[in-house]
Amino acid sequence: MKCFFHPEVPAIGVCKYCQRGLCLDCAAIVDDVVACKHRHENEVQQLGQLAARNLFQSKRVSSAYMRNAIFYGLVGVLFAGFGLVQYRFLGLQAMFFMMIGLFLLYAAGANYFEGRKHK
């Protein structure tokens, strides 16, 4: 690959922003990434900051899913347990509580597995 700005000189890297081949004179290192010198240095730095924010936000989302999974799991166990214990006295109403409990346990599992995707 040759430098975009100097076609006779071999490129040493590719600009993270514009994907052009750059020679040693045209390349600038910004946060361990190659950028066009005096052209795309700010844009490449902003891309790096954006990626760092996305990683941080992904971890926050993961923890929110885990909190939801714990809450739904606990409430689901309470509803299902109450339905089981009260089945003799409430009949079909107890079945309603058990169904809510099972749905909440399903939601807990769904939140848990979704949170694992964001780690």
PDB file of N, CA and C in Angstrom:
ATOM      1  N   MET A   1       0.853  -1.165   0.000  1.00  0.00           N
ATOM      2  CA  MET A   1       0.000   0.000   0.000  1.00  0.00           C
ATOM      3  C   MET A   1       0.904   1.234   0.000  1.00  0.00           C
ATOM      4  N   LYS A   2       0.477   2.236  -0.729  1.00  0.00           N
ATOM      5  CA  LYS A   2       1.222   3.486  -0.841  1.00  0.00           C
ATOM      6  C   LYS A   2       0.497   4.585  -0.069  1.00  0.00           C
ATOM      7  N   CYS A   3       1.229   5.627   0.283  1.00  0.00           N
ATOM      8  CA  CYS A   3       0.657   6.772   0.983  1.00  0.00           C
ATOM      9  C   CYS A   3      -0.333   7.475   0.059  1.00  0.00           C
ATOM     10  N   PHE A   4      -1.450   7.886   0.598  1.00  0.00           N
ATOM     11  CA  PHE A   4      -2.465   8.570  -0.189  1.00  0.00           C
ATOM     12  C   PHE A   4      -1.962   9.918  -0.694  1.00  0.00           C
ATOM     13  N   PHE A   5      -1.218  10.611   0.150  1.00  0.00           N
ATOM     14  CA  PHE A   5      -0.748  11.949  -0.200  1.00  0.00           C
ATOM     15  C   PHE A   5       0.591  11.930  -0.938  1.00  0.00           C
ATOM     16  N   HIS A   6       1.361  10.886  -0.778  1.00  0.00           N
ATOM     17  CA  HIS A   6       2.657  10.715  -1.446  1.00  0.00           C
ATOM     18  C   HIS A   6       2.673   9.329  -2.099  1.00  0.00           C
ATOM     19  N   PRO A   7       2.158   9.191  -3.320  1.00  0.00           N
ATOM     20  CA  PRO A   7       1.996   7.878  -3.961  1.00  0.00           C
ATOM     21  C   PRO A   7       3.296   7.116  -4.184  1.00  0.00           C
ATOM     22  N   GLU A   8       4.432   7.771  -4.095  1.00  0.00           N
ATOM     23  CA  GLU A   8       5.704   7.081  -4.305  1.00  0.00           C
ATOM     24  C   GLU A   8       6.275   6.485  -3.014  1.00  0.00           C
ATOM     25  N   VAL A   9       5.693   6.819  -1.870  1.00  0.00           N
ATOM     26  CA  VAL A   9       6.215   6.378  -0.567  1.00  0.00           C
ATOM     27  C   VAL A   9       5.293   5.284  -0.011  1.00  0.00           C
ATOM     28  N   PRO A  10       5.866   4.203   0.531  1.00  0.00           N
ATOM     29  CA  PRO A  10       5.006   3.158   1.118  1.00  0.00           C
ATOM     30  C   PRO A  10       4.321   3.650   2.408  1.00  0.00           C
ATOM     31  N   ALA A  11       3.115   3.168   2.621  1.00  0.00           N
ATOM     32  CA  ALA A  11       2.345   3.548   3.803  1.00  0.00           C
ATOM     33  C   ALA A  11       2.790   2.720   5.009  1.00  0.00           C
ATOM     34  N   ILE A  12       2.745   3.346   6.183  1.00  0.00           N
ATOM     35  CA  ILE A  12       3.077   2.633   7.422  1.00  0.00           C
ATOM     36  C   ILE A  12       1.839   2.308   8.244  1.00  0.00           C
ATOM     37  N   GLY A  13       0.707   2.901   7.845  1.00  0.00           N
ATOM     38  CA  GLY A  13      -0.523   2.666   8.581  1.00  0.00           C
ATOM     39  C   GLY A  13      -1.705   3.257   7.855  1.00  0.00           C
ATOM     40  N   VAL A  14      -2.887   3.085   8.445  1.00  0.00           N
ATOM     41  CA  VAL A  14      -4.133   3.565   7.862  1.00  0.00           C
ATOM     42  C   VAL A  14      -4.796   4.495   8.865  1.00  0.00           C
ATOM     43  N   CYS A  15      -5.284   5.638   8.386  1.00  0.00           N
ATOM     44  CA  CYS A  15      -5.978   6.588   9.254  1.00  0.00           C
ATOM     45  C   CYS A  15      -7.260   5.952   9.791  1.00  0.00           C
ATOM     46  N   LYS A  16      -7.465   6.056  11.091  1.00  0.00           N
ATOM     47  CA  LYS A  16      -8.651   5.479  11.737  1.00  0.00           C
ATOM     48  C   LYS A  16      -9.929   6.173  11.268  1.00  0.00           C
ATOM     49  N   TYR A  17      -9.832   7.427  10.867  1.00  0.00           N
ATOM     50  CA  TYR A  17     -11.012   8.198  10.483  1.00  0.00           C
ATOM     51  C   TYR A  17     -11.368   8.031   9.006  1.00  0.00           C
ATOM     52  N   CYS A  18     -10.396   8.217   8.113  1.00  0.00           N
ATOM     53  CA  CYS A  18     -10.701   8.209   6.675  1.00  0.00           C
ATOM     54  C   CYS A  18     -10.221   6.956   5.957  1.00  0.00           C
ATOM     55  N   GLN A  19      -9.525   6.065   6.656  1.00  0.00           N
ATOM     56  CA  GLN A  19      -9.068   4.788   6.099  1.00  0.00           C
ATOM     57  C   GLN A  19      -8.085   4.953   4.935  1.00  0.00           C
ATOM     58  N   ARG A  20      -7.344   6.050   4.905  1.00  0.00           N
ATOM     59  CA  ARG A  20      -6.340   6.259   3.857  1.00  0.00           C
ATOM     60  C   ARG A  20      -4.982   5.787   4.348  1.00  0.00           C
ATOM     61  N   GLY A  21      -4.198   5.233   3.424  1.00  0.00           N
ATOM     62  CA  GLY A  21      -2.839   4.840   3.757  1.00  0.00           C
ATOM     63  C   GLY A  21      -1.975   6.072   3.988  1.00  0.00           C
ATOM     64  N   LEU A  22      -1.110   6.005   5.015  1.00  0.00           N
ATOM     65  CA  LEU A  22      -0.288   7.163   5.383  1.00  0.00           C
ATOM     66  C   LEU A  22       1.173   6.766   5.511  1.00  0.00           C
ATOM     67  N   CYS A  23       2.054   7.655   5.035  1.00  0.00           N
ATOM     68  CA  CYS A  23       3.487   7.437   5.206  1.00  0.00           C
ATOM     69  C   CYS A  23       3.911   8.014   6.554  1.00  0.00           C
ATOM     70  N   LEU A  24       5.190   7.908   6.862  1.00  0.00           N
ATOM     71  CA  LEU A  24       5.710   8.379   8.141  1.00  0.00           C
ATOM     72  C   LEU A  24       5.521   9.878   8.309  1.00  0.00           C
ATOM     73  N   ASP A  25       5.626  10.643   7.219  1.00  0.00           N
ATOM     74  CA  ASP A  25       5.482  12.095   7.305  1.00  0.00           C
ATOM     75  C   ASP A  25       4.029  12.522   7.488  1.00  0.00           C
ATOM     76  N   CYS A  26       3.100  11.754   6.995  1.00  0.00           N
ATOM     77  CA  CYS A  26       1.677  12.124   7.042  1.00  0.00           C
ATOM     78  C   CYS A  26       0.944  11.556   8.251  1.00  0.00           C
ATOM     79  N   ALA A  27       1.549  10.629   8.950  1.00  0.00           N
ATOM     80  CA  ALA A  27       0.872   9.938  10.052  1.00  0.00           C
ATOM     81  C   ALA A  27       1.126  10.642  11.383  1.00  0.00           C
ATOM     82  N   ALA A  28       0.095  10.673  12.192  1.00  0.00           N
ATOM     83  CA  ALA A  28       0.192  11.157  13.568  1.00  0.00           C
ATOM     84  C   ALA A  28      -0.397  10.073  14.464  1.00  0.00           C
ATOM     85  N   ILE A  29       0.231   9.853  15.605  1.00  0.00           N
ATOM     86  CA  ILE A  29      -0.247   8.840  16.556  1.00  0.00           C
ATOM     87  C   ILE A  29      -1.105   9.547  17.610  1.00  0.00           C
ATOM     88  N   VAL A  30      -2.372   9.145  17.684  1.00  0.00           N
ATOM     89  CA  VAL A  30      -3.306   9.711  18.645  1.00  0.00           C
ATOM     90  C   VAL A  30      -3.877   8.562  19.461  1.00  0.00           C
ATOM     91  N   ASP A  31      -3.532   8.499  20.732  1.00  0.00           N
ATOM     92  CA  ASP A  31      -4.018   7.423  21.619  1.00  0.00           C
ATOM     93  C   ASP A  31      -3.736   6.043  21.029  1.00  0.00           C
ATOM     94  N   ASP A  32      -2.524   5.819  20.580  1.00  0.00           N
ATOM     95  CA  ASP A  32      -2.075   4.553  20.001  1.00  0.00           C
ATOM     96  C   ASP A  32      -2.788   4.191  18.704  1.00  0.00           C
ATOM     97  N   VAL A  33      -3.336   5.175  18.012  1.00  0.00           N
ATOM     98  CA  VAL A  33      -4.032   4.963  16.749  1.00  0.00           C
ATOM     99  C   VAL A  33      -3.460   5.931  15.726  1.00  0.00           C
ATOM    100  N   VAL A  34      -3.384   5.495  14.468  1.00  0.00           N
ATOM    101  CA  VAL A  34      -2.849   6.338  13.398  1.00  0.00           C
ATOM    102  C   VAL A  34      -3.947   7.253  12.865  1.00  0.00           C
ATOM    103  N   ALA A  35      -3.590   8.541  12.653  1.00  0.00           N
ATOM    104  CA  ALA A  35      -4.509   9.528  12.084  1.00  0.00           C
ATOM    105  C   ALA A  35      -3.750  10.396  11.100  1.00  0.00           C
ATOM    106  N   CYS A  36      -4.477  11.039  10.194  1.00  0.00           N
ATOM    107  CA  CYS A  36      -3.851  11.990   9.272  1.00  0.00           C
ATOM    108  C   CYS A  36      -3.353  13.192  10.068  1.00  0.00           C
ATOM    109  N   LYS A  37      -2.062  13.499   9.906  1.00  0.00           N
ATOM    110  CA  LYS A  37      -1.459  14.610  10.637  1.00  0.00           C
ATOM    111  C   LYS A  37      -2.092  15.924  10.182  1.00  0.00           C
ATOM    112  N   HIS A  38      -2.498  16.749  11.138  1.00  0.00           N
ATOM    113  CA  HIS A  38      -3.109  18.065  10.926  1.00  0.00           C
ATOM    114  C   HIS A  38      -4.433  17.996  10.170  1.00  0.00           C
ATOM    115  N   ARG A  39      -5.052  16.823  10.063  1.00  0.00           N
ATOM    116  CA  ARG A  39      -6.335  16.698   9.374  1.00  0.00           C
ATOM    117  C   ARG A  39      -7.390  16.025  10.252  1.00  0.00           C
ATOM    118  N   HIS A  40      -7.086  14.843  10.758  1.00  0.00           N
ATOM    119  CA  HIS A  40      -8.101  14.055  11.465  1.00  0.00           C
ATOM    120  C   HIS A  40      -7.708  13.697  12.895  1.00  0.00           C
ATOM    121  N   GLU A  41      -6.791  14.400  13.463  1.00  0.00           N
ATOM    122  CA  GLU A  41      -6.357  14.061  14.827  1.00  0.00           C
ATOM    123  C   GLU A  41      -7.488  14.239  15.840  1.00  0.00           C
ATOM    124  N   ASN A  42      -8.238  15.332  15.734  1.00  0.00           N
ATOM    125  CA  ASN A  42      -9.344  15.563  16.676  1.00  0.00           C
ATOM    126  C   ASN A  42     -10.449  14.528  16.508  1.00  0.00           C
ATOM    127  N   GLU A  43     -10.765  14.190  15.270  1.00  0.00           N
ATOM    128  CA  GLU A  43     -11.825  13.218  15.014  1.00  0.00           C
ATOM    129  C   GLU A  43     -11.470  11.839  15.572  1.00  0.00           C
ATOM    130  N   VAL A  44     -10.207  11.441  15.397  1.00  0.00           N
ATOM    131  CA  VAL A  44      -9.767  10.142  15.905  1.00  0.00           C
ATOM    132  C   VAL A  44      -9.795  10.135  17.436  1.00  0.00           C
ATOM    133  N   GLN A  45      -9.416  11.244  18.047  1.00  0.00           N
ATOM    134  CA  GLN A  45      -9.468  11.325  19.511  1.00  0.00           C
ATOM    135  C   GLN A  45     -10.920  11.243  19.990  1.00  0.00           C
ATOM    136  N   GLN A  46     -11.838  11.887  19.280  1.00  0.00           N
ATOM    137  CA  GLN A  46     -13.253  11.819  19.643  1.00  0.00           C
ATOM    138  C   GLN A  46     -13.810  10.406  19.460  1.00  0.00           C
ATOM    139  N   LEU A  47     -13.358   9.698  18.421  1.00  0.00           N
ATOM    140  CA  LEU A  47     -13.776   8.305  18.238  1.00  0.00           C
ATOM    141  C   LEU A  47     -13.321   7.445  19.412  1.00  0.00           C
ATOM    142  N   GLY A  48     -12.113   7.675  19.880  1.00  0.00           N
ATOM    143  CA  GLY A  48     -11.608   6.931  21.037  1.00  0.00           C
ATOM    144  C   GLY A  48     -12.414   7.212  22.286  1.00  0.00           C
ATOM    145  N   GLN A  49     -12.762   8.477  22.499  1.00  0.00           N
ATOM    146  CA  GLN A  49     -13.575   8.844  23.656  1.00  0.00           C
ATOM    147  C   GLN A  49     -14.969   8.234  23.567  1.00  0.00           C
ATOM    148  N   LEU A  50     -15.522   8.227  22.359  1.00  0.00           N
ATOM    149  CA  LEU A  50     -16.840   7.623  22.159  1.00  0.00           C
ATOM    150  C   LEU A  50     -16.814   6.127  22.462  1.00  0.00           C
ATOM    151  N   ALA A  51     -15.781   5.453  22.017  1.00  0.00           N
ATOM    152  CA  ALA A  51     -15.660   4.012  22.294  1.00  0.00           C
ATOM    153  C   ALA A  51     -15.524   3.763  23.794  1.00  0.00           C
ATOM    154  N   ALA A  52     -14.762   4.596  24.487  1.00  0.00           N
ATOM    155  CA  ALA A  52     -14.607   4.431  25.945  1.00  0.00           C
ATOM    156  C   ALA A  52     -15.941   4.650  26.655  1.00  0.00           C
ATOM    157  N   ARG A  53     -16.698   5.658  26.230  1.00  0.00           N
ATOM    158  CA  ARG A  53     -18.015   5.903  26.841  1.00  0.00           C
ATOM    159  C   ARG A  53     -18.957   4.740  26.579  1.00  0.00           C
ATOM    160  N   ASN A  54     -18.904   4.179  25.374  1.00  0.00           N
ATOM    161  CA  ASN A  54     -19.771   3.037  25.061  1.00  0.00           C
ATOM    162  C   ASN A  54     -19.450   1.833  25.931  1.00  0.00           C
ATOM    163  N   LEU A  55     -18.172   1.567  26.167  1.00  0.00           N
ATOM    164  CA  LEU A  55     -17.796   0.451  27.041  1.00  0.00           C
ATOM    165  C   LEU A  55     -18.288   0.684  28.461  1.00  0.00           C
ATOM    166  N   PHE A  56     -18.134   1.914  28.950  1.00  0.00           N
ATOM    167  CA  PHE A  56     -18.595   2.245  30.301  1.00  0.00           C
ATOM    168  C   PHE A  56     -20.108   2.081  30.399  1.00  0.00           C
ATOM    169  N   GLN A  57     -20.835   2.581  29.395  1.00  0.00           N
ATOM    170  CA  GLN A  57     -22.284   2.479  29.403  1.00  0.00           C
ATOM    171  C   GLN A  57     -22.739   1.023  29.322  1.00  0.00           C
ATOM    172  N   SER A  58     -22.020   0.216  28.578  1.00  0.00           N
ATOM    173  CA  SER A  58     -22.362  -1.193  28.467  1.00  0.00           C
ATOM    174  C   SER A  58     -22.266  -1.886  29.826  1.00  0.00           C
ATOM    175  N   LYS A  59     -21.263  -1.532  30.611  1.00  0.00           N
ATOM    176  CA  LYS A  59     -21.141  -2.127  31.946  1.00  0.00           C
ATOM    177  C   LYS A  59     -22.275  -1.663  32.855  1.00  0.00           C
ATOM    178  N   ARG A  60     -22.697  -0.401  32.712  1.00  0.00           N
ATOM    179  CA  ARG A  60     -23.808   0.090  33.512  1.00  0.00           C
ATOM    180  C   ARG A  60     -25.094  -0.634  33.134  1.00  0.00           C
ATOM    181  N   VAL A  61     -25.298  -0.866  31.853  1.00  0.00           N
ATOM    182  CA  VAL A  61     -26.492  -1.566  31.386  1.00  0.00           C
ATOM    183  C   VAL A  61     -26.489  -2.994  31.929  1.00  0.00           C
ATOM    184  N   SER A  62     -25.332  -3.623  31.915  1.00  0.00           N
ATOM    185  CA  SER A  62     -25.219  -4.986  32.422  1.00  0.00           C
ATOM    186  C   SER A  62     -25.625  -5.060  33.891  1.00  0.00           C
ATOM    187  N   SER A  63     -25.148  -4.120  34.686  1.00  0.00           N
ATOM    188  CA  SER A  63     -25.490  -4.149  36.116  1.00  0.00           C
ATOM    189  C   SER A  63     -26.980  -3.883  36.325  1.00  0.00           C
ATOM    190  N   ALA A  64     -27.602  -3.051  35.491  1.00  0.00           N
ATOM    191  CA  ALA A  64     -29.041  -2.809  35.613  1.00  0.00           C
ATOM    192  C   ALA A  64     -29.826  -4.080  35.295  1.00  0.00           C
ATOM    193  N   TYR A  65     -29.414  -4.806  34.270  1.00  0.00           N
ATOM    194  CA  TYR A  65     -30.081  -6.073  33.957  1.00  0.00           C
ATOM    195  C   TYR A  65     -29.944  -7.065  35.115  1.00  0.00           C
ATOM    196  N   MET A  66     -28.783  -7.108  35.731  1.00  0.00           N
ATOM    197  CA  MET A  66     -28.580  -8.047  36.842  1.00  0.00           C
ATOM    198  C   MET A  66     -29.442  -7.666  38.044  1.00  0.00           C
ATOM    199  N   ARG A  67     -29.548  -6.363  38.325  1.00  0.00           N
ATOM    200  CA  ARG A  67     -30.428  -5.928  39.424  1.00  0.00           C
ATOM    201  C   ARG A  67     -31.875  -6.309  39.135  1.00  0.00           C
ATOM    202  N   ASN A  68     -32.300  -6.104  37.892  1.00  0.00           N
ATOM    203  CA  ASN A  68     -33.666  -6.484  37.525  1.00  0.00           C
ATOM    204  C   ASN A  68     -33.874  -7.988  37.664  1.00  0.00           C
ATOM    205  N   ALA A  69     -32.882  -8.766  37.259  1.00  0.00           N
ATOM    206  CA  ALA A  69     -32.997 -10.220  37.356  1.00  0.00           C
ATOM    207  C   ALA A  69     -33.163 -10.651  38.805  1.00  0.00           C
ATOM    208  N   ILE A  70     -32.393 -10.065  39.699  1.00  0.00           N
ATOM    209  CA  ILE A  70     -32.510 -10.414  41.127  1.00  0.00           C
ATOM    210  C   ILE A  70     -33.891 -10.028  41.663  1.00  0.00           C
ATOM    211  N   PHE A  71     -34.327  -8.822  41.346  1.00  0.00           N
ATOM    212  CA  PHE A  71     -35.637  -8.367  41.832  1.00  0.00           C
ATOM    213  C   PHE A  71     -36.761  -9.253  41.294  1.00  0.00           C
ATOM    214  N   TYR A  72     -36.783  -9.479  39.984  1.00  0.00           N
ATOM    215  CA  TYR A  72     -37.828 -10.313  39.396  1.00  0.00           C
ATOM    216  C   TYR A  72     -37.777 -11.732  39.951  1.00  0.00           C
ATOM    217  N   GLY A  73     -36.584 -12.249  40.177  1.00  0.00           N
ATOM    218  CA  GLY A  73     -36.453 -13.593  40.726  1.00  0.00           C
ATOM    219  C   GLY A  73     -37.042 -13.699  42.126  1.00  0.00           C
ATOM    220  N   LEU A  74     -36.710 -12.729  42.966  1.00  0.00           N
ATOM    221  CA  LEU A  74     -37.233 -12.751  44.340  1.00  0.00           C
ATOM    222  C   LEU A  74     -38.748 -12.594  44.374  1.00  0.00           C
ATOM    223  N   VAL A  75     -39.259 -11.638  43.625  1.00  0.00           N
ATOM    224  CA  VAL A  75     -40.708 -11.425  43.614  1.00  0.00           C
ATOM    225  C   VAL A  75     -41.414 -12.620  42.964  1.00  0.00           C
ATOM    226  N   GLY A  76     -40.809 -13.203  41.937  1.00  0.00           N
ATOM    227  CA  GLY A  76     -41.398 -14.380  41.301  1.00  0.00           C
ATOM    228  C   GLY A  76     -41.481 -15.554  42.251  1.00  0.00           C
ATOM    229  N   VAL A  77     -40.433 -15.774  43.040  1.00  0.00           N
ATOM    230  CA  VAL A  77     -40.451 -16.859  44.027  1.00  0.00           C
ATOM    231  C   VAL A  77     -41.531 -16.594  45.073  1.00  0.00           C
ATOM    232  N   LEU A  78     -41.665 -15.326  45.496  1.00  0.00           N
ATOM    233  CA  LEU A  78     -42.701 -14.999  46.487  1.00  0.00           C
ATOM    234  C   LEU A  78     -44.106 -15.266  45.929  1.00  0.00           C
ATOM    235  N   PHE A  79     -44.371 -14.814  44.713  1.00  0.00           N
ATOM    236  CA  PHE A  79     -45.693 -15.038  44.131  1.00  0.00           C
ATOM    237  C   PHE A  79     -45.967 -16.521  43.930  1.00  0.00           C
ATOM    238  N   ALA A  80     -45.009 -17.246  43.360  1.00  0.00           N
ATOM    239  CA  ALA A  80     -45.211 -18.676  43.121  1.00  0.00           C
ATOM    240  C   ALA A  80     -45.363 -19.429  44.441  1.00  0.00           C
ATOM    241  N   GLY A  81     -44.554 -19.090  45.423  1.00  0.00           N
ATOM    242  CA  GLY A  81     -44.662 -19.741  46.735  1.00  0.00           C
ATOM    243  C   GLY A  81     -45.984 -19.447  47.410  1.00  0.00           C
ATOM    244  N   PHE A  82     -46.427 -18.196  47.340  1.00  0.00           N
ATOM    245  CA  PHE A  82     -47.721 -17.846  47.924  1.00  0.00           C
ATOM    246  C   PHE A  82     -48.849 -18.621  47.242  1.00  0.00           C
ATOM    247  N   GLY A  83     -48.766 -18.733  45.924  1.00  0.00           N
ATOM    248  CA  GLY A  83     -49.794 -19.487  45.201  1.00  0.00           C
ATOM    249  C   GLY A  83     -49.814 -20.948  45.595  1.00  0.00           C
ATOM    250  N   LEU A  84     -48.629 -21.531  45.762  1.00  0.00           N
ATOM    251  CA  LEU A  84     -48.562 -22.942  46.158  1.00  0.00           C
ATOM    252  C   LEU A  84     -49.116 -23.160  47.562  1.00  0.00           C
ATOM    253  N   VAL A  85     -48.720 -22.270  48.485  1.00  0.00           N
ATOM    254  CA  VAL A  85     -49.153 -22.418  49.876  1.00  0.00           C
ATOM    255  C   VAL A  85     -50.661 -22.205  50.003  1.00  0.00           C
ATOM    256  N   GLN A  86     -51.195 -21.270  49.253  1.00  0.00           N
ATOM    257  CA  GLN A  86     -52.609 -20.911  49.393  1.00  0.00           C
ATOM    258  C   GLN A  86     -53.527 -21.640  48.413  1.00  0.00           C
ATOM    259  N   TYR A  87     -53.009 -22.622  47.701  1.00  0.00           N
ATOM    260  CA  TYR A  87     -53.818 -23.308  46.686  1.00  0.00           C
ATOM    261  C   TYR A  87     -55.062 -23.971  47.280  1.00  0.00           C
ATOM    262  N   ARG A  88     -54.922 -24.559  48.451  1.00  0.00           N
ATOM    263  CA  ARG A  88     -56.069 -25.231  49.091  1.00  0.00           C
ATOM    264  C   ARG A  88     -57.182 -24.254  49.426  1.00  0.00           C
ATOM    265  N   PHE A  89     -56.806 -23.025  49.786  1.00  0.00           N
ATOM    266  CA  PHE A  89     -57.799 -22.064  50.266  1.00  0.00           C
ATOM    267  C   PHE A  89     -58.352 -21.166  49.152  1.00  0.00           C
ATOM    268  N   LEU A  90     -57.499 -20.865  48.171  1.00  0.00           N
ATOM    269  CA  LEU A  90     -57.914 -19.903  47.147  1.00  0.00           C
ATOM    270  C   LEU A  90     -58.297 -20.538  45.816  1.00  0.00           C
ATOM    271  N   GLY A  91     -57.879 -21.739  45.546  1.00  0.00           N
ATOM    272  CA  GLY A  91     -58.232 -22.418  44.303  1.00  0.00           C
ATOM    273  C   GLY A  91     -57.644 -21.730  43.080  1.00  0.00           C
ATOM    274  N   LEU A  92     -58.538 -21.280  42.188  1.00  0.00           N
ATOM    275  CA  LEU A  92     -58.083 -20.675  40.933  1.00  0.00           C
ATOM    276  C   LEU A  92     -57.336 -19.355  41.151  1.00  0.00           C
ATOM    277  N   GLN A  93     -57.671 -18.647  42.193  1.00  0.00           N
ATOM    278  CA  GLN A  93     -56.943 -17.410  42.480  1.00  0.00           C
ATOM    279  C   GLN A  93     -55.479 -17.714  42.788  1.00  0.00           C
ATOM    280  N   ALA A  94     -55.228 -18.812  43.445  1.00  0.00           N
ATOM    281  CA  ALA A  94     -53.847 -19.210  43.737  1.00  0.00           C
ATOM    282  C   ALA A  94     -53.114 -19.554  42.443  1.00  0.00           C
ATOM    283  N   MET A  95     -53.834 -20.150  41.495  1.00  0.00           N
ATOM    284  CA  MET A  95     -53.218 -20.436  40.197  1.00  0.00           C
ATOM    285  C   MET A  95     -52.782 -19.139  39.513  1.00  0.00           C
ATOM    286  N   PHE A  96     -53.578 -18.087  39.675  1.00  0.00           N
ATOM    287  CA  PHE A  96     -53.232 -16.788  39.113  1.00  0.00           C
ATOM    288  C   PHE A  96     -51.920 -16.286  39.725  1.00  0.00           C
ATOM    289  N   PHE A  97     -51.767 -16.416  41.032  1.00  0.00           N
ATOM    290  CA  PHE A  97     -50.519 -16.005  41.688  1.00  0.00           C
ATOM    291  C   PHE A  97     -49.335 -16.839  41.202  1.00  0.00           C
ATOM    292  N   MET A  98     -49.554 -18.140  41.040  1.00  0.00           N
ATOM    293  CA  MET A  98     -48.469 -18.991  40.542  1.00  0.00           C
ATOM    294  C   MET A  98     -48.070 -18.610  39.114  1.00  0.00           C
ATOM    295  N   MET A  99     -49.047 -18.289  38.273  1.00  0.00           N
ATOM    296  CA  MET A  99     -48.743 -17.877  36.902  1.00  0.00           C
ATOM    297  C   MET A  99     -47.942 -16.571  36.883  1.00  0.00           C
ATOM    298  N   ILE A 100     -48.318 -15.626  37.736  1.00  0.00           N
ATOM    299  CA  ILE A 100     -47.552 -14.376  37.830  1.00  0.00           C
ATOM    300  C   ILE A 100     -46.135 -14.679  38.290  1.00  0.00           C
ATOM    301  N   GLY A 101     -46.012 -15.567  39.275  1.00  0.00           N
ATOM    302  CA  GLY A 101     -44.683 -15.943  39.765  1.00  0.00           C
ATOM    303  C   GLY A 101     -43.832 -16.581  38.685  1.00  0.00           C
ATOM    304  N   LEU A 102     -44.425 -17.476  37.893  1.00  0.00           N
ATOM    305  CA  LEU A 102     -43.673 -18.108  36.808  1.00  0.00           C
ATOM    306  C   LEU A 102     -43.271 -17.103  35.740  1.00  0.00           C
ATOM    307  N   PHE A 103     -44.156 -16.169  35.438  1.00  0.00           N
ATOM    308  CA  PHE A 103     -43.817 -15.136  34.464  1.00  0.00           C
ATOM    309  C   PHE A 103     -42.660 -14.270  34.979  1.00  0.00           C
ATOM    310  N   LEU A 104     -42.690 -13.922  36.259  1.00  0.00           N
ATOM    311  CA  LEU A 104     -41.603 -13.119  36.832  1.00  0.00           C
ATOM    312  C   LEU A 104     -40.290 -13.897  36.856  1.00  0.00           C
ATOM    313  N   LEU A 105     -40.355 -15.187  37.088  1.00  0.00           N
ATOM    314  CA  LEU A 105     -39.135 -16.003  37.029  1.00  0.00           C
ATOM    315  C   LEU A 105     -38.602 -16.068  35.605  1.00  0.00           C
ATOM    316  N   TYR A 106     -39.500 -16.137  34.625  1.00  0.00           N
ATOM    317  CA  TYR A 106     -39.070 -16.077  33.227  1.00  0.00           C
ATOM    318  C   TYR A 106     -38.397 -14.728  32.930  1.00  0.00           C
ATOM    319  N   ALA A 107     -39.000 -13.644  33.411  1.00  0.00           N
ATOM    320  CA  ALA A 107     -38.427 -12.312  33.201  1.00  0.00           C
ATOM    321  C   ALA A 107     -37.064 -12.200  33.880  1.00  0.00           C
ATOM    322  N   ALA A 108     -36.909 -12.837  35.043  1.00  0.00           N
ATOM    323  CA  ALA A 108     -35.615 -12.830  35.730  1.00  0.00           C
ATOM    324  C   ALA A 108     -34.564 -13.529  34.889  1.00  0.00           C
ATOM    325  N   GLY A 109     -34.910 -14.671  34.333  1.00  0.00           N
ATOM    326  CA  GLY A 109     -33.969 -15.390  33.481  1.00  0.00           C
ATOM    327  C   GLY A 109     -33.622 -14.600  32.230  1.00  0.00           C
ATOM    328  N   ALA A 110     -34.627 -13.978  31.604  1.00  0.00           N
ATOM    329  CA  ALA A 110     -34.378 -13.179  30.404  1.00  0.00           C
ATOM    330  C   ALA A 110     -33.458 -12.007  30.709  1.00  0.00           C
ATOM    331  N   ASN A 111     -33.673 -11.331  31.843  1.00  0.00           N
ATOM    332  CA  ASN A 111     -32.804 -10.213  32.223  1.00  0.00           C
ATOM    333  C   ASN A 111     -31.397 -10.689  32.534  1.00  0.00           C
ATOM    334  N   TYR A 112     -31.280 -11.820  33.189  1.00  0.00           N
ATOM    335  CA  TYR A 112     -29.960 -12.351  33.508  1.00  0.00           C
ATOM    336  C   TYR A 112     -29.152 -12.624  32.234  1.00  0.00           C
ATOM    337  N   PHE A 113     -29.769 -13.322  31.287  1.00  0.00           N
ATOM    338  CA  PHE A 113     -29.039 -13.673  30.071  1.00  0.00           C
ATOM    339  C   PHE A 113     -28.770 -12.455  29.189  1.00  0.00           C
ATOM    340  N   GLU A 114     -29.663 -11.492  29.204  1.00  0.00           N
ATOM    341  CA  GLU A 114     -29.414 -10.246  28.466  1.00  0.00           C
ATOM    342  C   GLU A 114     -28.282  -9.453  29.101  1.00  0.00           C
ATOM    343  N   GLY A 115     -28.224  -9.450  30.413  1.00  0.00           N
ATOM    344  CA  GLY A 115     -27.125  -8.763  31.106  1.00  0.00           C
ATOM    345  C   GLY A 115     -25.784  -9.404  30.835  1.00  0.00           C
ATOM    346  N   ARG A 116     -25.764 -10.714  30.654  1.00  0.00           N
ATOM    347  CA  ARG A 116     -24.502 -11.396  30.346  1.00  0.00           C
ATOM    348  C   ARG A 116     -23.981 -11.017  28.976  1.00  0.00           C
ATOM    349  N   LYS A 117     -24.845 -10.619  28.054  1.00  0.00           N
ATOM    350  CA  LYS A 117     -24.419 -10.202  26.719  1.00  0.00           C
ATOM    351  C   LYS A 117     -23.624  -8.905  26.772  1.00  0.00           C
ATOM    352  N   HIS A 118     -23.882  -8.061  27.755  1.00  0.00           N
ATOM    353  CA  HIS A 118     -23.277  -6.736  27.820  1.00  0.00           C
ATOM    354  C   HIS A 118     -22.006  -6.684  28.646  1.00  0.00           C
ATOM    355  N   LYS A 119     -21.519  -7.813  29.109  1.00  0.00           N
ATOM    356  CA  LYS A 119     -20.299  -7.797  29.930  1.00  0.00           C
ATOM    357  C   LYS A 119     -19.076  -7.658  29.100  1.00  0.00           C
TER     358      LYS A 119
END
